[in-house]
Every structure is written in structure tokens, then in C-alpha cells.
Amino acid sequence: MSIDNQIEPPQSFMAMYLKPGQMRPNAPQSVVLARYEQCEDMACVLTGHAQTLAFKDNFSESEVLVRCHQGLLDDASDFNENEARWVTCRLAELLGWGPPIFDAD
């Protein structure tokens, strides 16, 4: 990352850009940082929506996370599958909820 930018993506995010045995991301630093900022921003934006679904619409935490994950996978979304998973996990973390359970898990 540039010296001017002090944002450092967490290892959980960086793992999407590292192949086993690699130490360097397989994308330019500017791309990784931009994608991280977009994913982190989306997780923060979704907190209010998730709380509304959970409390006003009476969905369980798990149902809320599944719905948010499905929305992130929508064709109109700008997130790939790995990013959608990361955003959903980060959303759960921000809300203090348990981690999401994905179909393949």
C-alpha cells in the first residue's frame, strides 16, 4: 500500500488475493485496497438494514445474513462470491452476531 494510505486490509480479506504459498497478492495493491474499501463500506451500510430485518421484520440473525448474502450475489451487485462471503461475515462481526452459515459449509 502507498505510504500516504494507512488503511491495511485484514488478513481475512487479503486471503482472497493470495494463492497457497504466495506472500504477495495476485492483484495490484490499488485494486486490493479499492475492493477492500468497497466491501468494508458495504458491510457498514448493511448494518442498519440488517437490524431492521431482525427487529422490525422479526427475522432471525441467520435469516438476515442469508438474505444479505443473496442480495450481494445478485447480478446487479458489484461483488463476486468471495467478496459477498467476506462482506456477510464482516456484517455479522459488526453486529456482534454469530458467523453466517453458508450452504457449502
C-alpha atoms as a PDB file:
ATOM      1  CA  MET A   1       0.000   0.000   0.000  1.00  0.00           C
ATOM      2  CA  SER A   2       1.216   3.515  -0.574  1.00  0.00           C
ATOM      3  CA  ILE A   3       2.866   5.393   2.244  1.00  0.00           C
ATOM      4  CA  ASP A   4       0.068   8.000   2.084  1.00  0.00           C
ATOM      5  CA  ASN A   5      -2.613   5.375   2.645  1.00  0.00           C
ATOM      6  CA  GLN A   6      -2.688   3.944   6.132  1.00  0.00           C
ATOM      7  CA  ILE A   7      -5.575   1.529   5.549  1.00  0.00           C
ATOM      8  CA  GLU A   8      -4.412  -2.060   5.764  1.00  0.00           C
ATOM      9  CA  PRO A   9      -6.918  -4.743   4.769  1.00  0.00           C
ATOM     10  CA  PRO A  10      -7.238  -7.546   7.332  1.00  0.00           C
ATOM     11  CA  GLN A  11      -5.761 -10.966   6.613  1.00  0.00           C
ATOM     12  CA  SER A  12      -9.258 -12.387   6.112  1.00  0.00           C
ATOM     13  CA  PHE A  13      -9.690 -10.057   3.141  1.00  0.00           C
ATOM     14  CA  MET A  14      -6.147 -10.463   1.817  1.00  0.00           C
ATOM     15  CA  ALA A  15      -6.651 -14.238   1.719  1.00  0.00           C
ATOM     16  CA  MET A  16      -8.877 -13.736  -1.343  1.00  0.00           C
ATOM     17  CA  TYR A  17      -5.871 -12.399  -3.242  1.00  0.00           C
ATOM     18  CA  LEU A  18      -3.254 -14.902  -2.098  1.00  0.00           C
ATOM     19  CA  LYS A  19      -2.725 -18.315  -3.595  1.00  0.00           C
ATOM     20  CA  PRO A  20      -1.315 -21.029  -1.305  1.00  0.00           C
ATOM     21  CA  GLY A  21       2.368 -20.448  -0.719  1.00  0.00           C
ATOM     22  CA  GLN A  22       2.295 -16.884  -2.040  1.00  0.00           C
ATOM     23  CA  MET A  23       3.278 -13.881   0.019  1.00  0.00           C
ATOM     24  CA  ARG A  24       2.165 -11.211  -2.457  1.00  0.00           C
ATOM     25  CA  PRO A  25      -1.369 -10.529  -3.682  1.00  0.00           C
ATOM     26  CA  ASN A  26      -2.223 -11.589  -7.229  1.00  0.00           C
ATOM     27  CA  ALA A  27      -3.717  -8.147  -7.972  1.00  0.00           C
ATOM     28  CA  PRO A  28      -2.226  -4.653  -7.845  1.00  0.00           C
ATOM     29  CA  GLN A  29      -2.244  -3.039  -4.418  1.00  0.00           C
ATOM     30  CA  SER A  30      -4.511  -0.249  -5.650  1.00  0.00           C
ATOM     31  CA  VAL A  31      -7.108  -2.812  -6.759  1.00  0.00           C
ATOM     32  CA  VAL A  32      -6.952  -4.757  -3.497  1.00  0.00           C
ATOM     33  CA  LEU A  33      -7.296  -1.587  -1.447  1.00  0.00           C
ATOM     34  CA  ALA A  34     -10.200  -0.284  -3.563  1.00  0.00           C
ATOM     35  CA  ARG A  35     -12.050  -3.615  -3.297  1.00  0.00           C
ATOM     36  CA  TYR A  36     -11.445  -3.747   0.451  1.00  0.00           C
ATOM     37  CA  GLU A  37     -12.804  -0.237   0.930  1.00  0.00           C
ATOM     38  CA  GLN A  38     -15.884  -1.087  -1.145  1.00  0.00           C
ATOM     39  CA  CYS A  39     -16.516  -4.308   0.800  1.00  0.00           C
ATOM     40  CA  GLU A  40     -15.980  -2.660   4.190  1.00  0.00           C
ATOM     41  CA  ASP A  41     -18.271   0.220   3.225  1.00  0.00           C
ATOM     42  CA  MET A  42     -20.990  -2.220   2.123  1.00  0.00           C
ATOM     43  CA  ALA A  43     -20.780  -4.145   5.390  1.00  0.00           C
ATOM     44  CA  CYS A  44     -21.186  -0.881   7.319  1.00  0.00           C
ATOM     45  CA  VAL A  45     -24.101   0.256   5.141  1.00  0.00           C
ATOM     46  CA  LEU A  46     -25.870  -3.073   5.600  1.00  0.00           C
ATOM     47  CA  THR A  47     -25.854  -2.882   9.398  1.00  0.00           C
ATOM     48  CA  GLY A  48     -28.942  -0.677   9.557  1.00  0.00           C
ATOM     49  CA  HIS A  49     -30.808  -2.793   7.015  1.00  0.00           C
ATOM     50  CA  ALA A  50     -29.880  -5.983   8.861  1.00  0.00           C
ATOM     51  CA  GLN A  51     -31.049  -4.590  12.193  1.00  0.00           C
ATOM     52  CA  THR A  52     -34.358  -3.582  10.632  1.00  0.00           C
ATOM     53  CA  LEU A  53     -34.874  -7.075   9.220  1.00  0.00           C
ATOM     54  CA  ALA A  54     -34.022  -8.646  12.554  1.00  0.00           C
ATOM     55  CA  PHE A  55     -36.038  -6.446  14.860  1.00  0.00           C
ATOM     56  CA  LYS A  56     -38.848  -4.859  12.861  1.00  0.00           C
ATOM     57  CA  ASP A  57     -39.477  -7.755  10.465  1.00  0.00           C
ATOM     58  CA  ASN A  58     -38.654 -10.399  13.106  1.00  0.00           C
ATOM     59  CA  PHE A  59     -36.149 -12.440  11.082  1.00  0.00           C
ATOM     60  CA  SER A  60     -33.521 -14.498  12.871  1.00  0.00           C
ATOM     61  CA  GLU A  61     -29.909 -13.363  12.648  1.00  0.00           C
ATOM     62  CA  SER A  62     -29.193 -16.320  10.380  1.00  0.00           C
ATOM     63  CA  GLU A  63     -32.069 -15.439   8.037  1.00  0.00           C
ATOM     64  CA  VAL A  64     -30.909 -11.833   7.863  1.00  0.00           C
ATOM     65  CA  LEU A  65     -27.374 -12.851   6.958  1.00  0.00           C
ATOM     66  CA  VAL A  66     -28.612 -15.296   4.303  1.00  0.00           C
ATOM     67  CA  ARG A  67     -30.787 -12.582   2.746  1.00  0.00           C
ATOM     68  CA  CYS A  68     -27.960 -10.062   2.734  1.00  0.00           C
ATOM     69  CA  HIS A  69     -25.592 -12.610   1.212  1.00  0.00           C
ATOM     70  CA  GLN A  70     -28.121 -13.447  -1.515  1.00  0.00           C
ATOM     71  CA  GLY A  71     -28.529  -9.753  -2.287  1.00  0.00           C
ATOM     72  CA  LEU A  72     -24.775  -9.352  -2.628  1.00  0.00           C
ATOM     73  CA  LEU A  73     -24.738 -12.221  -5.139  1.00  0.00           C
ATOM     74  CA  ASP A  74     -27.412 -10.559  -7.298  1.00  0.00           C
ATOM     75  CA  ASP A  75     -26.323  -9.888 -10.889  1.00  0.00           C
ATOM     76  CA  ALA A  76     -26.678  -6.145 -10.314  1.00  0.00           C
ATOM     77  CA  SER A  77     -24.270  -6.338  -7.363  1.00  0.00           C
ATOM     78  CA  ASP A  78     -20.642  -5.406  -7.814  1.00  0.00           C
ATOM     79  CA  PHE A  79     -19.358  -8.210  -5.589  1.00  0.00           C
ATOM     80  CA  ASN A  80     -18.004 -11.618  -6.536  1.00  0.00           C
ATOM     81  CA  GLU A  81     -18.789 -14.695  -4.436  1.00  0.00           C
ATOM     82  CA  ASN A  82     -15.708 -14.434  -2.228  1.00  0.00           C
ATOM     83  CA  GLU A  83     -16.342 -10.760  -1.581  1.00  0.00           C
ATOM     84  CA  ALA A  84     -20.014 -11.426  -0.810  1.00  0.00           C
ATOM     85  CA  ARG A  85     -18.957 -14.011   1.781  1.00  0.00           C
ATOM     86  CA  TRP A  86     -16.445 -11.616   3.305  1.00  0.00           C
ATOM     87  CA  VAL A  87     -18.991  -8.772   3.470  1.00  0.00           C
ATOM     88  CA  THR A  88     -21.545 -11.083   5.107  1.00  0.00           C
ATOM     89  CA  CYS A  89     -19.007 -12.288   7.683  1.00  0.00           C
ATOM     90  CA  ARG A  90     -17.920  -8.711   8.358  1.00  0.00           C
ATOM     91  CA  LEU A  91     -21.568  -7.668   8.742  1.00  0.00           C
ATOM     92  CA  ALA A  92     -22.086 -10.372  11.356  1.00  0.00           C
ATOM     93  CA  GLU A  93     -18.951  -9.206  13.137  1.00  0.00           C
ATOM     94  CA  LEU A  94     -20.069  -5.558  13.134  1.00  0.00           C
ATOM     95  CA  LEU A  95     -23.440  -6.554  14.584  1.00  0.00           C
ATOM     96  CA  GLY A  96     -21.934  -8.863  17.203  1.00  0.00           C
ATOM     97  CA  TRP A  97     -23.794 -11.822  15.703  1.00  0.00           C
ATOM     98  CA  GLY A  98     -22.540 -15.338  15.198  1.00  0.00           C
ATOM     99  CA  PRO A  99     -20.830 -16.128  11.905  1.00  0.00           C
ATOM    100  CA  PRO A 100     -23.054 -16.869   8.922  1.00  0.00           C
ATOM    101  CA  ILE A 101     -23.599 -20.428   7.757  1.00  0.00           C
ATOM    102  CA  PHE A 102     -23.242 -20.786   4.013  1.00  0.00           C
ATOM    103  CA  ASP A 103     -24.837 -23.646   2.069  1.00  0.00           C
ATOM    104  CA  ALA A 104     -21.487 -25.249   1.188  1.00  0.00           C
ATOM    105  CA  ASP A 105     -20.206 -25.090   4.799  1.00  0.00           C
END
